[in-house]
Amino acid sequence: MRRVSETDNDRIRELKRQIDDQQYLQHAIDRLAQRLTGKLIEQRGEQQDGSRRPEQDQQW
């Protein structure tokens, strides 16, 4: 079993702080929504013209 390092503890503390920050959470949700919307639009375009761009699939 791996021991939790001080760096891991610092990262966990930072993530807990971010989770408690409503502004941070809203920004993160907005970023996710933008990425998902972009992907949906991209997929819809691929369905309409039948083409796919494999290099774009790997960006996720």
N, C-alpha and C. Protein backbone atom coordinates (compact mmCIF):
# COMPACT_ATOMS: atom_id res chain seq x y z
N MET A 1 0.84 -1.17 0.00
CA MET A 1 0.00 0.00 0.00
C MET A 1 0.89 1.25 0.00
N ARG A 2 0.55 2.19 -0.84
CA ARG A 2 1.36 3.39 -1.01
C ARG A 2 1.10 4.38 0.13
N ARG A 3 2.17 4.96 0.65
CA ARG A 3 2.03 5.99 1.68
C ARG A 3 1.69 7.31 1.01
N VAL A 4 0.92 8.11 1.67
CA VAL A 4 0.55 9.42 1.16
C VAL A 4 1.70 10.37 1.48
N SER A 5 2.24 10.97 0.43
CA SER A 5 3.36 11.89 0.63
C SER A 5 2.84 13.28 1.02
N GLU A 6 3.75 14.10 1.46
CA GLU A 6 3.38 15.48 1.82
C GLU A 6 2.85 16.23 0.60
N THR A 7 3.40 15.94 -0.58
CA THR A 7 2.90 16.54 -1.82
C THR A 7 1.47 16.13 -2.07
N ASP A 8 1.16 14.85 -1.85
CA ASP A 8 -0.21 14.37 -2.00
C ASP A 8 -1.14 15.08 -1.03
N ASN A 9 -0.69 15.22 0.22
CA ASN A 9 -1.50 15.92 1.22
C ASN A 9 -1.76 17.36 0.81
N ASP A 10 -0.75 18.02 0.27
CA ASP A 10 -0.92 19.40 -0.19
C ASP A 10 -1.95 19.45 -1.32
N ARG A 11 -1.86 18.50 -2.22
CA ARG A 11 -2.79 18.46 -3.36
C ARG A 11 -4.23 18.20 -2.87
N ILE A 12 -4.36 17.30 -1.92
CA ILE A 12 -5.69 17.01 -1.36
C ILE A 12 -6.26 18.25 -0.69
N ARG A 13 -5.44 18.96 0.08
CA ARG A 13 -5.91 20.19 0.73
C ARG A 13 -6.34 21.22 -0.31
N GLU A 14 -5.58 21.36 -1.39
CA GLU A 14 -5.92 22.31 -2.44
C GLU A 14 -7.23 21.93 -3.12
N LEU A 15 -7.42 20.65 -3.40
CA LEU A 15 -8.68 20.20 -4.02
C LEU A 15 -9.87 20.43 -3.09
N LYS A 16 -9.70 20.19 -1.81
CA LYS A 16 -10.78 20.45 -0.86
C LYS A 16 -11.12 21.94 -0.83
N ARG A 17 -10.10 22.79 -0.89
CA ARG A 17 -10.33 24.23 -0.92
C ARG A 17 -11.12 24.62 -2.17
N GLN A 18 -10.74 24.04 -3.31
CA GLN A 18 -11.42 24.36 -4.55
C GLN A 18 -12.87 23.89 -4.53
N ILE A 19 -13.13 22.73 -3.96
CA ILE A 19 -14.50 22.22 -3.89
C ILE A 19 -15.38 23.15 -3.07
N ASP A 20 -14.81 23.78 -2.06
CA ASP A 20 -15.57 24.70 -1.21
C ASP A 20 -15.74 26.08 -1.84
N ASP A 21 -15.02 26.35 -2.91
CA ASP A 21 -15.06 27.67 -3.57
C ASP A 21 -16.13 27.65 -4.66
N GLN A 22 -17.26 28.29 -4.39
CA GLN A 22 -18.39 28.28 -5.34
C GLN A 22 -18.02 28.88 -6.69
N GLN A 23 -17.20 29.92 -6.68
CA GLN A 23 -16.78 30.55 -7.94
C GLN A 23 -15.94 29.58 -8.77
N TYR A 24 -15.03 28.88 -8.11
CA TYR A 24 -14.19 27.89 -8.80
C TYR A 24 -15.06 26.79 -9.40
N LEU A 25 -15.99 26.27 -8.60
CA LEU A 25 -16.87 25.21 -9.08
C LEU A 25 -17.69 25.66 -10.28
N GLN A 26 -18.24 26.87 -10.22
CA GLN A 26 -19.04 27.36 -11.33
C GLN A 26 -18.20 27.49 -12.60
N HIS A 27 -16.97 27.98 -12.44
CA HIS A 27 -16.07 28.10 -13.59
C HIS A 27 -15.76 26.72 -14.18
N ALA A 28 -15.51 25.74 -13.30
CA ALA A 28 -15.21 24.38 -13.76
C ALA A 28 -16.42 23.78 -14.50
N ILE A 29 -17.60 23.99 -13.97
CA ILE A 29 -18.82 23.49 -14.62
C ILE A 29 -19.01 24.15 -15.98
N ASP A 30 -18.77 25.46 -16.04
CA ASP A 30 -18.89 26.17 -17.33
C ASP A 30 -17.90 25.64 -18.35
N ARG A 31 -16.66 25.36 -17.93
CA ARG A 31 -15.66 24.81 -18.85
C ARG A 31 -16.09 23.44 -19.37
N LEU A 32 -16.59 22.60 -18.46
CA LEU A 32 -17.06 21.29 -18.89
C LEU A 32 -18.22 21.41 -19.88
N ALA A 33 -19.15 22.30 -19.60
CA ALA A 33 -20.30 22.50 -20.49
C ALA A 33 -19.83 22.96 -21.87
N GLN A 34 -18.85 23.85 -21.91
CA GLN A 34 -18.34 24.32 -23.19
C GLN A 34 -17.69 23.19 -23.97
N ARG A 35 -16.90 22.36 -23.29
CA ARG A 35 -16.24 21.24 -23.97
C ARG A 35 -17.26 20.23 -24.48
N LEU A 36 -18.25 19.92 -23.65
CA LEU A 36 -19.28 18.97 -24.07
C LEU A 36 -20.10 19.51 -25.24
N THR A 37 -20.44 20.78 -25.18
CA THR A 37 -21.19 21.40 -26.27
C THR A 37 -20.38 21.36 -27.56
N GLY A 38 -19.10 21.68 -27.46
CA GLY A 38 -18.22 21.63 -28.63
C GLY A 38 -18.15 20.24 -29.22
N LYS A 39 -18.05 19.23 -28.35
CA LYS A 39 -18.00 17.84 -28.83
C LYS A 39 -19.30 17.45 -29.51
N LEU A 40 -20.43 17.84 -28.91
CA LEU A 40 -21.72 17.51 -29.52
C LEU A 40 -21.89 18.17 -30.88
N ILE A 41 -21.49 19.42 -30.98
CA ILE A 41 -21.57 20.14 -32.26
C ILE A 41 -20.66 19.47 -33.29
N GLU A 42 -19.46 19.11 -32.85
CA GLU A 42 -18.51 18.44 -33.74
C GLU A 42 -19.07 17.11 -34.23
N GLN A 43 -19.65 16.32 -33.33
CA GLN A 43 -20.22 15.03 -33.72
C GLN A 43 -21.39 15.20 -34.66
N ARG A 44 -22.20 16.21 -34.42
CA ARG A 44 -23.34 16.46 -35.30
C ARG A 44 -22.85 16.80 -36.71
N GLY A 45 -21.81 17.61 -36.79
CA GLY A 45 -21.23 17.94 -38.09
C GLY A 45 -20.67 16.71 -38.79
N GLU A 46 -20.07 15.81 -38.02
CA GLU A 46 -19.53 14.58 -38.61
C GLU A 46 -20.66 13.71 -39.14
N GLN A 47 -21.77 13.67 -38.45
CA GLN A 47 -22.90 12.85 -38.90
C GLN A 47 -23.48 13.43 -40.19
N GLN A 48 -23.50 14.73 -40.29
CA GLN A 48 -24.10 15.35 -41.47
C GLN A 48 -23.23 15.18 -42.71
N ASP A 49 -21.90 15.31 -42.56
CA ASP A 49 -21.06 15.20 -43.75
C ASP A 49 -20.36 13.84 -43.87
N GLY A 50 -20.51 13.00 -42.86
CA GLY A 50 -19.97 11.65 -42.92
C GLY A 50 -18.47 11.55 -42.69
N SER A 51 -17.81 12.66 -42.50
CA SER A 51 -16.36 12.61 -42.30
C SER A 51 -16.03 12.57 -40.81
N ARG A 52 -14.86 12.01 -40.51
CA ARG A 52 -14.37 11.96 -39.14
C ARG A 52 -12.93 12.43 -39.14
N ARG A 53 -12.56 13.06 -38.06
CA ARG A 53 -11.18 13.52 -37.91
C ARG A 53 -10.59 12.80 -36.69
N PRO A 54 -9.87 11.69 -36.87
CA PRO A 54 -9.40 10.89 -35.73
C PRO A 54 -8.52 11.67 -34.76
N GLU A 55 -7.72 12.62 -35.25
CA GLU A 55 -6.84 13.36 -34.34
C GLU A 55 -7.64 14.20 -33.35
N GLN A 56 -8.84 14.59 -33.69
CA GLN A 56 -9.68 15.36 -32.77
C GLN A 56 -10.24 14.46 -31.67
N ASP A 57 -10.48 13.21 -31.97
CA ASP A 57 -10.99 12.27 -30.96
C ASP A 57 -10.00 12.10 -29.82
N GLN A 58 -8.71 12.26 -30.09
CA GLN A 58 -7.70 12.02 -29.08
C GLN A 58 -7.50 13.22 -28.15
N GLN A 59 -8.14 14.34 -28.40
CA GLN A 59 -7.97 15.52 -27.54
C GLN A 59 -8.59 15.33 -26.19
N TRP A 60 -9.55 14.45 -26.05
CA TRP A 60 -10.22 14.21 -24.77
C TRP A 60 -9.31 13.42 -23.94
